[in-house]
Amino acid sequence: MSTTALDVDSGERAPPSEQGVLAAEQIDLSTALKVSEEIYRKLTESEAKFRRLMDCNIVGISVWDLDGRVLEANEMFLRIVGYESDDLISGRLRWTDFASSQGPDRSTQDMVALLQGGG
């Protein structure tokens, strides 16, 4: 039994010279979809593990942006830095306020150096 590939865009049968290419593209798409699904599954598992670690409060964990805003923090982190959840919710919690004993300017310089690989 012989099968012929359809041109996806036009819905017409592809010429025999293009059928192999179309079949290869379909396999590539299928493989890409499987890989994408696997990556998504692993990401979901990783996020769940991180969330469990954050929620158990055995270590202080925060998520922040480069502008200095702390976006998320668990209760242990808030206790360590002397803030409360209201500070986090209101947006008053900034890593630049407590990350360096030499002040926020030094914290920013340290972060830039770290991100540039100079740690």
Protein backbone atom coordinates (compact mmCIF):
# COMPACT_ATOMS: atom_id res chain seq x y z
CA MET A 1 0.00 0.00 0.00
CA SER A 2 1.42 3.32 -1.06
CA THR A 3 0.74 6.56 0.77
CA THR A 4 1.32 10.06 -0.42
CA ALA A 5 1.93 13.09 1.73
CA LEU A 6 -0.38 16.07 1.67
CA ASP A 7 0.95 19.59 1.50
CA VAL A 8 -0.14 20.99 4.85
CA ASP A 9 -0.69 24.52 3.55
CA SER A 10 -2.76 23.70 0.46
CA GLY A 11 -4.23 20.32 1.38
CA GLU A 12 -3.12 18.96 -2.02
CA ARG A 13 -0.93 15.94 -2.60
CA ALA A 14 2.72 16.82 -2.60
CA PRO A 15 4.80 15.81 -5.61
CA PRO A 16 6.75 12.57 -5.02
CA SER A 17 10.02 14.54 -4.83
CA GLU A 18 8.70 16.47 -1.81
CA GLN A 19 6.97 13.62 -0.02
CA GLY A 20 10.13 12.52 1.78
CA VAL A 21 10.76 16.07 2.96
CA LEU A 22 7.22 16.40 4.26
CA ALA A 23 7.46 13.05 6.04
CA ALA A 24 10.76 14.13 7.64
CA GLU A 25 9.18 17.41 8.74
CA GLN A 26 6.30 15.50 10.32
CA ILE A 27 8.75 13.30 12.20
CA ASP A 28 10.70 16.37 13.31
CA LEU A 29 7.50 18.02 14.55
CA SER A 30 6.49 14.85 16.36
CA THR A 31 9.91 14.59 17.98
CA ALA A 32 9.88 18.28 18.89
CA LEU A 33 6.45 17.88 20.48
CA LYS A 34 7.62 14.90 22.54
CA VAL A 35 10.73 16.79 23.66
CA SER A 36 8.65 19.85 24.52
CA GLU A 37 6.24 17.74 26.56
CA GLU A 38 9.16 16.13 28.43
CA ILE A 39 10.73 19.52 29.17
CA TYR A 40 7.39 20.84 30.44
CA ARG A 41 6.94 17.75 32.65
CA LYS A 42 10.43 18.16 34.13
CA LEU A 43 9.88 21.88 34.68
CA THR A 44 6.59 21.20 36.46
CA GLU A 45 8.28 18.61 38.70
CA SER A 46 11.14 20.98 39.46
CA GLU A 47 8.79 23.82 40.33
CA ALA A 48 6.82 21.52 42.64
CA LYS A 49 10.03 20.48 44.44
CA PHE A 50 11.09 24.11 44.80
CA ARG A 51 7.66 25.09 46.11
CA ARG A 52 7.76 22.27 48.72
CA LEU A 53 11.22 23.40 49.86
CA MET A 54 10.10 27.00 50.07
CA ASP A 55 6.92 26.12 51.95
CA CYS A 56 8.62 23.92 54.56
CA ASN A 57 10.59 26.93 55.90
CA ILE A 58 13.71 25.02 56.91
CA VAL A 59 15.79 27.53 54.96
CA GLY A 60 15.16 31.13 54.00
CA ILE A 61 14.34 31.47 50.31
CA SER A 62 13.48 34.51 48.25
CA VAL A 63 12.86 35.30 44.60
CA TRP A 64 13.79 38.78 43.47
CA ASP A 65 14.43 40.87 40.38
CA LEU A 66 17.43 42.93 39.35
CA ASP A 67 15.68 46.16 40.30
CA GLY A 68 15.89 45.06 43.93
CA ARG A 69 12.30 44.00 44.50
CA VAL A 70 11.75 40.80 46.46
CA LEU A 71 8.92 39.12 44.59
CA GLU A 72 8.48 36.06 46.83
CA ALA A 73 9.89 35.03 50.17
CA ASN A 74 9.10 32.31 52.66
CA GLU A 75 8.51 32.91 56.36
CA MET A 76 12.03 31.77 57.34
CA PHE A 77 13.60 34.31 54.98
CA LEU A 78 11.41 37.08 56.35
CA ARG A 79 12.44 36.14 59.92
CA ILE A 80 16.13 36.11 58.98
CA VAL A 81 16.05 39.58 57.45
CA GLY A 82 13.67 41.02 60.05
CA TYR A 83 10.69 41.75 57.82
CA GLU A 84 7.07 40.64 57.83
CA SER A 85 4.78 39.35 55.11
CA ASP A 86 3.07 42.76 54.97
CA ASP A 87 6.39 44.28 53.87
CA LEU A 88 6.62 41.72 51.07
CA ILE A 89 3.02 42.18 49.95
CA SER A 90 3.30 45.99 49.95
CA GLY A 91 6.47 45.90 47.88
CA ARG A 92 8.61 47.52 50.60
CA LEU A 93 10.98 44.54 50.76
CA ARG A 94 14.07 45.08 48.61
CA TRP A 95 17.19 42.92 48.63
CA THR A 96 19.30 46.05 48.18
CA ASP A 97 18.26 47.14 51.70
CA PHE A 98 19.81 44.16 53.47
CA ALA A 99 22.16 42.34 51.08
CA SER A 100 25.32 44.26 51.95
CA SER A 101 26.52 45.76 55.20
CA GLN A 102 28.15 48.47 53.08
CA GLY A 103 24.85 49.85 51.79
CA PRO A 104 22.57 49.47 48.76
CA ASP A 105 25.06 50.94 46.29
CA ARG A 106 27.62 48.27 47.20
CA SER A 107 24.94 45.55 46.94
CA THR A 108 24.15 46.64 43.40
CA GLN A 109 27.83 46.69 42.47
CA ASP A 110 28.27 43.20 43.93
CA MET A 111 25.26 41.92 41.99
CA VAL A 112 26.49 43.37 38.71
CA ALA A 113 29.91 41.75 39.28
CA LEU A 114 28.28 38.43 40.13
CA LEU A 115 26.10 38.47 37.01
CA GLN A 116 29.12 39.29 34.89
CA GLY A 117 30.86 36.21 36.25
CA GLY A 118 33.18 38.01 38.63
CA GLY A 119 31.47 36.92 41.84
